Protein backbone atom coordinates (compact mmCIF):
# COMPACT_ATOMS: atom_id res chain seq x y z
CA MET A 1 0.00 0.00 0.00
CA ASN A 2 1.10 3.63 -0.26
CA TYR A 3 2.07 3.82 3.40
CA GLY A 4 4.40 0.86 2.81
CA HIS A 5 6.13 2.80 0.06
CA THR A 6 6.62 5.74 2.44
CA LEU A 7 8.18 3.49 5.10
CA ARG A 8 10.56 1.95 2.56
CA LEU A 9 11.72 5.43 1.53
CA LEU A 10 12.21 6.46 5.17
CA LEU A 11 14.31 3.38 5.89
CA ALA A 12 16.30 3.91 2.70
CA GLU A 13 16.97 7.59 3.28
CA ARG A 14 16.57 9.14 6.72
CA LEU A 15 16.05 6.33 9.19
CA GLY A 16 19.07 4.29 8.17
CA GLY A 17 17.42 0.88 7.89
CA ILE A 18 19.46 -2.08 9.13
CA ALA A 19 17.14 -5.08 9.17
CA LEU A 20 13.56 -6.32 8.79
CA TYR A 21 12.31 -9.45 10.56
CA VAL A 22 8.82 -10.58 9.51
CA LEU A 23 6.98 -13.19 11.56
CA GLU A 24 5.13 -15.83 9.56
CA PRO A 25 1.31 -15.41 9.81
CA THR A 26 1.14 -18.61 11.88
CA VAL A 27 3.46 -17.18 14.57
CA GLU A 28 1.87 -15.49 17.61
CA ALA A 29 4.02 -12.48 18.43
CA PHE A 30 2.06 -12.04 21.65
CA PRO A 31 0.22 -14.94 23.34
CA GLY A 32 -3.47 -15.07 22.47
CA THR A 33 -3.19 -12.25 19.92
CA THR A 34 -3.80 -12.77 16.21
CA THR A 35 -1.84 -10.05 14.47
CA THR A 36 0.73 -9.73 11.72
CA ALA A 37 4.05 -8.63 13.21
CA ALA A 38 7.44 -7.40 12.07
CA ILE A 39 10.52 -5.93 13.74
CA THR A 40 12.23 -3.04 11.98
CA CYS A 41 15.81 -2.17 12.95
CA PHE A 42 17.40 1.16 12.03
CA LYS A 43 20.10 3.59 13.10
CA VAL A 44 19.57 7.19 12.06
CA GLY A 45 22.36 8.46 9.85
CA ALA A 46 24.21 5.14 9.67
CA ARG A 47 22.51 3.07 6.98
CA PRO A 48 24.53 0.04 5.81
CA SER A 49 24.88 -0.81 2.13
CA ALA A 50 22.02 -3.34 2.25
CA LEU A 51 18.98 -4.26 4.31
CA ARG A 52 19.03 -7.59 6.18
CA VAL A 53 15.72 -9.44 5.61
CA HIS A 54 14.57 -12.56 7.42
CA THR A 55 11.26 -14.45 7.58
CA VAL A 56 10.79 -15.87 11.07
CA LYS A 57 9.02 -19.19 11.63
CA THR A 58 9.20 -19.20 15.45
CA VAL A 59 9.71 -16.48 18.05
CA ASP A 60 12.95 -18.21 19.09
CA ASP A 61 14.35 -17.47 15.62
CA LEU A 62 14.46 -13.80 16.60
CA ASN A 63 17.30 -14.46 19.05
CA GLY A 64 20.10 -11.99 18.35
CA LEU A 65 18.53 -10.43 15.24
CA THR A 66 21.60 -11.38 13.22
CA SER A 67 20.39 -13.86 10.58
CA GLY A 68 18.87 -13.17 7.18
CA ARG A 69 19.85 -12.30 3.64
CA MET A 70 21.07 -8.95 2.39
CA VAL A 71 18.96 -6.99 -0.10
CA GLY A 72 20.40 -3.94 -1.84
CA TRP A 73 18.78 -0.59 -1.12
CA GLU A 74 18.21 0.19 -4.78
CA ARG A 75 15.89 -2.81 -4.97
CA VAL A 76 14.19 -2.10 -1.64
CA SER A 77 13.33 1.52 -2.41
CA ALA A 78 12.14 0.69 -5.94
CA SER A 79 9.93 -2.25 -4.93
CA SER A 80 6.16 -1.85 -5.29
CA LYS A 81 5.40 -3.92 -2.17
CA TRP A 82 7.11 -5.55 0.80
CA SER A 83 6.24 -9.14 -0.15
CA THR A 84 8.54 -9.13 -3.20
CA ILE A 85 11.42 -8.20 -0.89
CA ILE A 86 10.57 -10.64 1.88
CA ARG A 87 9.57 -13.63 -0.27
CA PRO A 88 10.85 -13.12 -3.81
CA GLY A 89 8.93 -15.31 -6.23
CA PRO A 90 10.23 -17.04 -9.32
CA ALA A 91 11.36 -14.89 -12.23
CA THR A 92 8.62 -14.01 -14.70
CA PRO A 93 9.01 -16.15 -17.85
CA ALA A 94 9.97 -14.27 -20.99
CA GLY A 95 7.01 -13.02 -22.99
CA HIS A 96 4.51 -13.13 -20.11
CA ILE A 97 2.23 -10.14 -19.64
CA GLU A 98 0.37 -8.67 -16.67
CA LEU A 99 -3.33 -9.47 -16.42
CA GLY A 100 -3.95 -5.73 -16.11
CA GLU A 101 -2.94 -5.30 -19.75
CA LEU A 102 -6.11 -7.19 -20.66
CA PHE A 103 -8.50 -6.33 -17.80
CA ARG A 104 -9.49 -3.55 -15.48
CA VAL A 105 -10.20 -5.07 -12.07
CA HIS A 106 -12.84 -3.47 -9.84
CA ARG A 107 -14.06 -4.35 -6.40
CA GLY A 108 -17.85 -4.67 -6.26
CA GLN A 109 -20.11 -1.86 -5.14
CA VAL A 110 -20.44 -1.02 -1.44
CA THR A 111 -24.10 -0.93 -0.40
CA GLY A 112 -23.53 0.94 2.87
CA SER A 113 -26.03 -1.30 4.67
CA ASN A 114 -26.51 -4.85 3.46
CA ASN A 115 -29.47 -5.46 5.78
CA VAL A 116 -31.34 -2.71 3.89
CA TRP A 117 -30.23 -3.16 0.28
CA ILE A 118 -30.06 -6.96 0.06
CA ALA A 119 -33.61 -8.14 -0.61
CA GLY A 120 -35.69 -9.91 1.99
CA ALA A 121 -39.10 -9.64 3.59
CA HIS A 122 -38.51 -5.90 4.04
CA THR A 123 -38.34 -5.35 0.25
CA ALA A 124 -41.74 -6.90 -0.54
CA SER A 125 -43.06 -3.59 -1.91
CA VAL A 126 -40.13 -3.03 -4.30
CA PRO A 127 -40.99 -3.86 -7.95
CA ASN A 128 -39.15 -6.97 -9.13
CA ARG A 129 -37.31 -5.14 -11.92
CA PHE A 130 -35.32 -3.24 -9.30
CA LEU A 131 -34.21 -6.41 -7.48
CA THR A 132 -30.99 -7.41 -9.22
CA PRO A 133 -29.40 -10.90 -8.94
CA THR A 134 -26.05 -10.25 -7.27
CA VAL A 135 -23.07 -12.11 -5.85
CA THR A 136 -23.27 -11.05 -2.21
CA LYS A 137 -20.90 -13.53 -0.54
CA ALA A 138 -17.81 -15.43 -1.60
CA ARG A 139 -19.66 -18.71 -1.11
CA ASP A 140 -21.81 -17.81 -4.13
CA LEU A 141 -18.71 -18.40 -6.25
CA LEU A 142 -16.95 -21.07 -4.21
CA ASP A 143 -20.02 -23.30 -4.35
CA VAL A 144 -20.23 -23.27 -8.16
CA GLY A 145 -16.56 -23.18 -9.11
CA ASP A 146 -15.33 -21.74 -12.39
CA ARG A 147 -18.77 -21.24 -14.01
CA LEU A 148 -21.55 -19.15 -12.48
CA MET A 149 -24.57 -20.08 -14.57
CA ASP A 150 -27.73 -19.73 -12.49
CA ALA A 151 -28.75 -16.26 -11.27
CA GLY A 152 -31.71 -17.84 -9.53
CA ARG A 153 -29.39 -19.11 -6.80
CA LEU A 154 -28.31 -15.60 -5.89
CA ARG A 155 -29.74 -13.06 -3.51
CA ARG A 156 -30.98 -9.81 -4.97
CA VAL A 157 -29.93 -6.24 -4.33
CA VAL A 158 -32.24 -3.24 -4.46
CA ASP A 159 -30.80 -1.09 -7.25
CA LEU A 160 -32.97 1.98 -7.77
CA PRO A 161 -32.54 4.72 -10.40
CA LEU A 162 -31.20 8.13 -9.43
CA ASP A 163 -34.35 9.89 -10.59
CA LEU A 164 -37.50 8.40 -9.08
CA GLU A 165 -39.66 10.97 -10.85
CA THR A 166 -39.27 9.00 -14.09
CA LEU A 167 -41.25 6.07 -12.64
CA ASP A 168 -44.98 5.63 -12.99
CA GLU A 169 -47.09 6.53 -9.98
CA ASN A 170 -47.70 2.98 -8.74
CA GLU A 171 -44.01 2.06 -8.83
CA ARG A 172 -42.99 5.30 -7.19
CA GLN A 173 -45.46 4.85 -4.35
CA ALA A 174 -44.24 1.28 -3.76
CA ILE A 175 -40.62 2.41 -3.68
CA GLU A 176 -41.40 5.38 -1.43
CA ALA A 177 -42.97 2.97 1.06
CA PHE A 178 -39.73 1.00 1.13
CA LEU A 179 -37.62 4.16 1.44
CA ASP A 180 -39.79 5.44 4.30
CA TRP A 181 -38.96 2.23 6.17
CA ALA A 182 -35.27 2.54 5.24
CA ARG A 183 -35.16 6.04 6.72
CA THR A 184 -36.53 4.77 10.04
CA ILE A 185 -33.40 2.64 10.51
CA GLY A 186 -31.00 5.33 9.31
CA ALA A 187 -30.14 3.97 5.85
CA HIS A 188 -29.95 7.53 4.50
CA GLU A 189 -27.40 8.54 7.16
CA THR A 190 -24.62 6.02 6.57
CA TYR A 191 -21.31 7.33 5.27
CA VAL A 192 -21.76 5.55 1.94
CA ALA A 193 -25.34 6.79 1.46
CA LYS A 194 -24.32 10.39 2.16
CA HIS A 195 -21.62 10.21 -0.51
CA ARG A 196 -23.78 8.78 -3.29
CA LYS A 197 -25.47 10.97 -5.88
CA ALA A 198 -28.76 9.80 -4.38
CA TRP A 199 -28.74 7.98 -1.05
CA TRP A 200 -31.21 5.36 -2.30
CA SER A 201 -29.30 4.43 -5.48
CA VAL A 202 -26.67 1.73 -4.82
CA GLY A 203 -25.42 1.92 -8.42
CA LEU A 204 -24.30 -1.63 -9.10
CA ARG A 205 -21.58 -1.99 -11.73
CA ALA A 206 -22.29 -3.62 -15.08
CA PRO A 207 -21.89 -7.43 -15.08
CA ALA A 208 -18.24 -8.49 -15.29
CA PRO A 209 -17.53 -11.47 -17.56
CA ILE A 210 -15.15 -12.86 -14.91
CA LEU A 211 -15.61 -12.63 -11.14
CA CYS A 212 -13.14 -13.63 -8.45
CA THR A 213 -13.00 -13.98 -4.70
CA TYR A 214 -10.27 -11.98 -2.99
CA MET A 215 -10.12 -12.81 0.72
CA ALA A 216 -9.86 -16.35 2.07
CA ARG A 217 -7.44 -18.92 3.47
CA ARG A 218 -6.87 -20.11 -0.09
CA ALA A 219 -6.03 -18.74 -3.52
CA PRO A 220 -8.75 -16.68 -5.21
CA LEU A 221 -11.37 -18.51 -7.26
CA PHE A 222 -11.97 -17.14 -10.75
CA SER A 223 -15.42 -17.80 -12.22
CA ARG A 224 -17.00 -17.08 -15.60
CA ASN A 225 -20.08 -14.96 -15.02
CA LEU A 226 -22.40 -16.64 -17.52
CA CYS A 227 -25.65 -15.36 -16.00
CA ALA A 228 -24.73 -11.64 -16.05
CA ALA A 229 -24.85 -11.35 -12.25
CA ARG A 230 -23.75 -8.16 -10.55
CA HIS A 231 -21.42 -8.17 -7.52
CA ILE A 232 -20.96 -6.20 -4.34
CA ASN A 233 -17.69 -5.63 -2.52
CA ILE A 234 -17.07 -9.24 -1.50
CA ALA A 235 -15.71 -10.01 -4.99
CA HIS A 236 -13.73 -8.41 -7.79
CA GLY A 237 -14.92 -8.05 -11.36
CA LEU A 238 -12.55 -8.42 -14.33
CA TYR A 239 -13.59 -6.17 -17.23
CA PRO A 240 -11.79 -6.61 -20.59
CA ARG A 241 -10.04 -3.49 -21.89
CA ASN A 242 -10.65 -4.78 -25.42
CA GLY A 243 -12.92 -7.42 -26.85
CA LEU A 244 -12.07 -10.97 -25.75
CA ASP A 245 -14.16 -13.84 -27.05
CA ASP A 246 -15.84 -16.44 -24.83
CA GLU A 247 -13.35 -19.17 -25.68
CA LEU A 248 -10.42 -17.05 -24.58
CA LEU A 249 -12.22 -15.97 -21.38
CA ASP A 250 -12.84 -19.64 -20.55
CA LEU A 251 -9.19 -20.53 -21.15
CA LEU A 252 -7.99 -17.63 -19.00
CA VAL A 253 -10.24 -18.65 -16.09
CA THR A 254 -8.95 -22.23 -16.27
CA TRP A 255 -5.33 -21.07 -16.31
CA LEU A 256 -5.80 -18.61 -13.43
CA ASN A 257 -7.46 -21.20 -11.22
CA LYS A 258 -4.60 -23.62 -11.82
CA ASN A 259 -1.70 -21.18 -11.49
CA VAL A 260 -2.52 -18.36 -9.04
CA SER A 261 -1.45 -19.20 -5.49
CA GLN A 262 -1.73 -17.62 -2.05
CA ARG A 263 1.83 -16.35 -2.25
CA ASP A 264 0.69 -13.94 -5.00
CA GLY A 265 -1.43 -12.02 -2.45
CA ARG A 266 -0.83 -10.58 1.00
CA THR A 267 -1.21 -12.97 3.94
CA TYR A 268 -2.36 -11.81 7.35
CA ALA A 269 -2.13 -13.45 10.76
CA GLY A 270 -3.98 -16.74 10.87
CA GLY A 271 -3.34 -17.40 7.17
CA LEU A 272 -6.00 -15.08 5.71
CA THR A 273 -4.86 -13.99 2.25
CA LYS A 274 -6.12 -10.88 0.46
CA PHE A 275 -5.81 -9.79 -3.16
CA GLU A 276 -6.42 -6.11 -3.89
CA PRO A 277 -7.58 -5.18 -7.42
CA LYS A 278 -4.08 -3.97 -8.36
CA GLU A 279 -2.58 -7.27 -7.17
CA ILE A 280 -4.95 -9.14 -9.47
CA GLU A 281 -3.92 -6.83 -12.32
CA ARG A 282 -0.23 -7.53 -11.60
CA LEU A 283 -0.65 -11.31 -11.99
CA CYS A 284 1.53 -12.53 -14.85
CA ILE A 285 0.03 -14.77 -17.53
CA PRO A 286 1.35 -16.29 -20.77
CA PRO A 287 0.88 -14.33 -24.01
CA LEU A 288 -2.54 -14.74 -25.57
CA GLU A 289 -1.26 -16.74 -28.52
CA ASP A 290 -0.20 -19.47 -26.09
CA PHE A 291 -3.81 -19.85 -24.93
CA ARG A 292 -4.99 -20.24 -28.52
CA GLN A 293 -2.53 -23.07 -29.01
């Protein structure tokens, strides 16, 4: 993240970084506390020629703070994230490209209050055309694997237009009844609602042809969105920058599910791994002609 970049620059320039010891996510730095921990060593004005980096598997391995490998400062300060310094992965094969060259990756829309905007008994008055089939939990994808085909299995999200005056009188009255109830529980006062163009309009993104999970104790699951479902912020959507045909999308999903691992994301204490949209875009894949073959 950006604050990580700032810390790397401080260690490289003014703080005089000496060493970085990162505890594995399975290690409890403090008994009974699940947290990701690291020890940073520095001496102001006396930076050595390289930073000592060590991944620690037990607390006893910290004894002395003298082990680890040396990483040059030019590489540390230029790195886009800590993980490539701490656990360098294999070299990218020649000719591979970043997934972001083909797709824009977007987290799903934030509703601001799922108990209001995800349909249930409280949305009985809302016309059906405003109840949109949506991926609202990671299990929606994990249960079906690499092909999401049936929107009928999904919950629905209330997705109203910005301008309610364009609706006919019967629809508007039905929606106003729902919004009156929503106001009674403060749906119009959440941070997200206050920062929308209209507090009642969630504004779901267009269906993404590929959806993926991004937070679990496993690698992300990539799934072809064959039923044009929308998604909220429990999944990412992959939107092609240029036209990609269905065959190629299918091949990409198969390759990603076989080749993306947890080490490509950021792992927190307890083994929870997270992939931000930019981390998905930085995933390296073979050139498209290889998929055709």
